[in-house]
Amino acid sequence: MQAEQKIPDRRGRKARRTRDALAGAAFELVLDRGLREVTVEEIAERADLDRRTFSRYFASKEDAVLDSVRGDGDRINEALRARPADEPPLTAYHRAVQDWLADPGVPAWHRRPRIYELLVLAEREPTLYAAFHHIRVDAQADSVAIVADRLGTDPLSDLRPAVTVAAGAGALLAAQAAWVRGNRPDELPRLVERAFDALAGELFTGPAPHSTTSTTSTTSTTEGNGTS
């Protein structure tokens, strides 16, 4: 029985090494030379593999180069599952993101070499951005299921899980966008906190600029047309 179990384990480790070799080759080549200057054949050759092997693991070079960030959504969701059951859902999502950012075992984006470069490139390359969007969508679908389970509800009939995840993931996305455009790679945790702070209160308690302007304009017009 033990010998039978070792064979699949060995095969799984070999497959993982092959996938990692292809993903690592794609990551380095694309960041060094640019997405459009790199072919799938070059990625396979760099990993000392062939084109057919590449196709068994990845659908495209975009898929391969983003493999290095594919697991981050899973880690956020693992942290979300582990949050105390009595935490409000949005608080639990926020804390899960904080746990991911501070994880000493697997560094988050701002502590991993060249991830900042990758996400900057994704902002400029439409096909890479689209592939990254699909990764986010898959992770968010899992988050919705986790929040629904925490609430003991059906996400198909109860909108709260989807709304919670849309709000929390939106705050994370806003922080990420500000991060990659700000040219300060160490700023991600601070920007995440600012985004969630805005979500928690500032958006709802701050002044309403359009209403204020409209009121001021109306008041000025009234005073101008007054009895003076």
Protein backbone atom coordinates (compact mmCIF):
# COMPACT_ATOMS: atom_id res chain seq x y z
CA MET A 1 0.00 0.00 0.00
CA GLN A 2 2.80 2.41 0.87
CA ALA A 3 4.62 1.67 -2.40
CA GLU A 4 1.39 2.33 -4.35
CA GLN A 5 0.99 5.69 -2.63
CA LYS A 6 4.56 6.72 -3.36
CA ILE A 7 4.17 6.40 -7.15
CA PRO A 8 1.40 9.04 -7.49
CA ASP A 9 3.24 11.27 -5.04
CA ARG A 10 6.42 11.02 -7.11
CA ARG A 11 4.49 11.76 -10.30
CA GLY A 12 2.82 14.73 -8.65
CA ARG A 13 6.15 16.16 -7.55
CA LYS A 14 7.59 15.70 -11.03
CA ALA A 15 4.58 17.44 -12.59
CA ARG A 16 4.93 20.28 -10.10
CA ARG A 17 8.61 20.68 -10.95
CA THR A 18 7.82 20.71 -14.67
CA ARG A 19 5.09 23.32 -14.22
CA ASP A 20 7.34 25.46 -12.02
CA ALA A 21 10.18 25.25 -14.56
CA LEU A 22 7.92 26.46 -17.37
CA ALA A 23 6.34 29.18 -15.24
CA GLY A 24 9.76 30.36 -14.03
CA ALA A 25 11.12 30.48 -17.57
CA ALA A 26 8.08 32.46 -18.77
CA PHE A 27 8.35 34.85 -15.83
CA GLU A 28 12.01 35.68 -16.40
CA LEU A 29 11.87 35.87 -20.19
CA VAL A 30 8.78 38.06 -20.33
CA LEU A 31 10.01 40.45 -17.66
CA ASP A 32 13.45 40.68 -19.26
CA ARG A 33 12.32 41.10 -22.86
CA GLY A 34 8.63 41.97 -22.89
CA LEU A 35 5.55 39.87 -23.57
CA ARG A 36 5.45 40.36 -27.32
CA GLU A 37 9.11 39.48 -27.79
CA VAL A 38 8.83 36.03 -26.23
CA THR A 39 7.40 32.90 -27.85
CA VAL A 40 6.06 29.74 -26.26
CA GLU A 41 8.85 27.79 -27.98
CA GLU A 42 11.47 29.98 -26.29
CA ILE A 43 9.85 29.45 -22.91
CA ALA A 44 9.86 25.68 -23.38
CA GLU A 45 13.46 25.74 -24.58
CA ARG A 46 14.57 27.81 -21.57
CA ALA A 47 12.96 25.18 -19.31
CA ASP A 48 14.67 22.41 -21.32
CA LEU A 49 11.30 21.05 -22.42
CA ASP A 50 9.33 20.93 -25.67
CA ARG A 51 6.32 22.81 -27.02
CA ARG A 52 4.00 19.87 -26.47
CA THR A 53 4.92 19.69 -22.79
CA PHE A 54 4.19 23.40 -22.43
CA SER A 55 0.70 22.89 -23.87
CA ARG A 56 -0.06 20.19 -21.31
CA TYR A 57 0.37 22.71 -18.50
CA PHE A 58 -0.56 26.11 -19.91
CA ALA A 59 -2.96 27.46 -22.51
CA SER A 60 -0.80 30.48 -23.34
CA LYS A 61 2.35 32.34 -22.40
CA GLU A 62 0.18 34.78 -20.42
CA ASP A 63 -1.16 31.86 -18.41
CA ALA A 64 2.40 30.68 -17.72
CA VAL A 65 3.87 34.02 -16.70
CA LEU A 66 1.00 34.64 -14.27
CA ASP A 67 1.36 31.26 -12.58
CA SER A 68 3.52 32.96 -9.95
CA VAL A 69 0.51 34.95 -8.67
CA ARG A 70 -2.20 32.34 -9.23
CA GLY A 71 -1.89 30.98 -5.70
CA ASP A 72 -2.33 34.33 -3.96
CA GLY A 73 -6.10 34.28 -4.27
CA ASP A 74 -6.09 30.78 -2.84
CA ARG A 75 -4.03 31.96 0.14
CA ILE A 76 -6.44 34.82 0.81
CA ASN A 77 -9.32 32.35 0.69
CA GLU A 78 -7.54 29.96 3.04
CA ALA A 79 -7.12 32.84 5.48
CA LEU A 80 -10.79 33.77 5.00
CA ARG A 81 -11.89 30.23 5.91
CA ALA A 82 -9.79 30.42 9.07
CA ARG A 83 -11.27 33.70 10.34
CA PRO A 84 -13.47 33.53 13.50
CA ALA A 85 -17.08 32.65 12.68
CA ASP A 86 -18.46 35.65 14.57
CA GLU A 87 -16.59 38.26 12.50
CA PRO A 88 -18.74 40.31 10.12
CA PRO A 89 -18.10 39.08 6.56
CA LEU A 90 -16.39 42.21 5.24
CA THR A 91 -14.21 42.42 8.35
CA ALA A 92 -13.26 38.78 7.85
CA TYR A 93 -12.29 39.46 4.23
CA HIS A 94 -10.21 42.48 5.26
CA ARG A 95 -8.44 40.47 7.96
CA ALA A 96 -7.78 37.66 5.48
CA VAL A 97 -6.09 40.12 3.14
CA GLN A 98 -4.02 41.42 6.05
CA ASP A 99 -3.03 37.85 6.95
CA TRP A 100 -1.93 37.25 3.35
CA LEU A 101 0.12 40.47 3.29
CA ALA A 102 1.88 39.60 6.56
CA ASP A 103 2.36 35.85 6.01
CA PRO A 104 5.97 35.05 6.97
CA GLY A 105 5.90 31.68 5.21
CA VAL A 106 4.85 32.74 1.70
CA PRO A 107 5.63 36.39 0.95
CA ALA A 108 2.88 38.51 -0.59
CA TRP A 109 3.38 40.53 -3.77
CA HIS A 110 5.32 43.41 -2.24
CA ARG A 111 7.90 41.01 -0.73
CA ARG A 112 8.44 38.72 -3.73
CA PRO A 113 11.11 39.57 -6.32
CA ARG A 114 9.80 41.10 -9.55
CA ILE A 115 6.07 40.65 -8.83
CA TYR A 116 5.74 44.43 -8.86
CA GLU A 117 7.30 44.44 -12.36
CA LEU A 118 4.88 41.74 -13.48
CA LEU A 119 1.79 43.65 -12.35
CA VAL A 120 3.09 46.88 -13.89
CA LEU A 121 3.47 44.97 -17.16
CA ALA A 122 -0.06 43.57 -16.79
CA GLU A 123 -1.38 47.14 -16.70
CA ARG A 124 0.21 47.79 -20.11
CA GLU A 125 -0.48 44.51 -21.91
CA PRO A 126 -4.19 43.85 -22.62
CA THR A 127 -3.84 40.07 -23.03
CA LEU A 128 -1.88 39.78 -19.80
CA TYR A 129 -4.38 41.99 -17.99
CA ALA A 130 -7.27 39.84 -19.28
CA ALA A 131 -5.57 36.65 -18.08
CA PHE A 132 -4.97 38.21 -14.67
CA HIS A 133 -8.63 39.27 -14.54
CA HIS A 134 -9.70 35.65 -15.04
CA ILE A 135 -7.50 34.58 -12.12
CA ARG A 136 -9.14 37.22 -9.92
CA VAL A 137 -12.64 36.18 -11.00
CA ASP A 138 -11.97 32.55 -10.12
CA ALA A 139 -10.61 33.52 -6.70
CA GLN A 140 -13.58 35.78 -6.02
CA ALA A 141 -16.03 33.01 -6.91
CA ASP A 142 -14.40 30.87 -4.23
CA SER A 143 -14.56 33.80 -1.80
CA VAL A 144 -18.31 34.14 -2.41
CA ALA A 145 -18.81 30.45 -1.60
CA ILE A 146 -16.79 30.82 1.61
CA VAL A 147 -18.74 33.89 2.76
CA ALA A 148 -22.03 32.18 1.93
CA ASP A 149 -20.98 29.20 4.05
CA ARG A 150 -20.05 31.54 6.92
CA LEU A 151 -23.50 33.13 6.71
CA GLY A 152 -25.28 29.81 6.24
CA THR A 153 -26.99 31.05 3.11
CA ASP A 154 -27.36 30.28 -0.60
CA PRO A 155 -25.38 32.76 -2.73
CA LEU A 156 -27.81 32.22 -5.62
CA SER A 157 -30.71 33.68 -3.64
CA ASP A 158 -28.88 35.88 -1.11
CA LEU A 159 -26.83 38.75 -2.53
CA ARG A 160 -24.87 39.44 0.65
CA PRO A 161 -21.95 37.08 -0.06
CA ALA A 162 -21.43 38.44 -3.59
CA VAL A 163 -21.76 42.06 -2.43
CA THR A 164 -19.32 41.48 0.42
CA VAL A 165 -16.70 39.96 -1.86
CA ALA A 166 -17.23 42.56 -4.58
CA ALA A 167 -16.62 45.30 -2.00
CA GLY A 168 -13.57 43.67 -0.41
CA ALA A 169 -11.99 42.55 -3.68
CA GLY A 170 -12.73 45.99 -5.13
CA ALA A 171 -10.82 47.64 -2.31
CA LEU A 172 -7.89 45.28 -2.90
CA LEU A 173 -8.01 45.96 -6.65
CA ALA A 174 -8.06 49.73 -6.08
CA ALA A 175 -5.04 49.43 -3.79
CA GLN A 176 -3.24 47.26 -6.33
CA ALA A 177 -3.93 49.76 -9.13
CA ALA A 178 -2.59 52.63 -7.03
CA TRP A 179 0.41 50.51 -6.09
CA VAL A 180 1.52 49.64 -9.60
CA ARG A 181 1.10 53.25 -10.74
CA GLY A 182 2.85 54.79 -7.76
CA ASN A 183 6.40 53.49 -8.33
CA ARG A 184 6.78 52.59 -4.64
CA PRO A 185 6.93 48.77 -4.41
CA ASP A 186 6.84 48.64 -0.59
CA GLU A 187 3.60 50.64 -0.30
CA LEU A 188 1.05 47.88 -0.92
CA PRO A 189 0.03 47.22 2.73
CA ARG A 190 -0.49 50.93 3.42
CA LEU A 191 -2.57 51.35 0.26
CA VAL A 192 -4.68 48.32 1.16
CA GLU A 193 -5.46 49.86 4.56
CA ARG A 194 -6.38 53.17 2.94
CA ALA A 195 -8.71 51.39 0.52
CA PHE A 196 -10.48 49.46 3.27
CA ASP A 197 -10.68 52.59 5.44
CA ALA A 198 -12.45 54.35 2.58
CA LEU A 199 -14.79 51.41 2.17
CA ALA A 200 -15.55 51.28 5.89
CA GLY A 201 -16.47 54.89 6.44
CA GLU A 202 -15.04 57.74 4.45
CA LEU A 203 -17.14 57.03 1.36
CA PHE A 204 -20.32 57.27 3.41
CA THR A 205 -19.50 59.93 5.96
CA GLY A 206 -17.54 62.44 3.88
CA PRO A 207 -19.01 65.50 2.19
CA ALA A 208 -20.93 65.09 -1.03
CA PRO A 209 -19.07 67.43 -3.41
CA HIS A 210 -21.79 67.64 -6.06
CA SER A 211 -24.54 68.38 -3.55
CA THR A 212 -22.41 71.01 -1.84
CA THR A 213 -21.56 72.67 -5.14
CA SER A 214 -25.15 72.61 -6.22
CA THR A 215 -26.33 74.08 -2.93
CA THR A 216 -23.65 76.76 -3.01
CA SER A 217 -24.53 77.67 -6.56
CA THR A 218 -28.24 77.85 -5.74
CA THR A 219 -27.56 79.94 -2.64
CA SER A 220 -25.38 82.36 -4.59
CA THR A 221 -28.02 82.73 -7.29
CA THR A 222 -30.72 83.32 -4.70
CA GLU A 223 -28.62 85.93 -2.93
CA GLY A 224 -27.84 87.60 -6.22
CA ASN A 225 -31.53 87.83 -7.06
CA GLY A 226 -32.53 88.92 -3.56
CA THR A 227 -33.95 92.22 -2.29
CA SER A 228 -30.59 93.90 -1.93
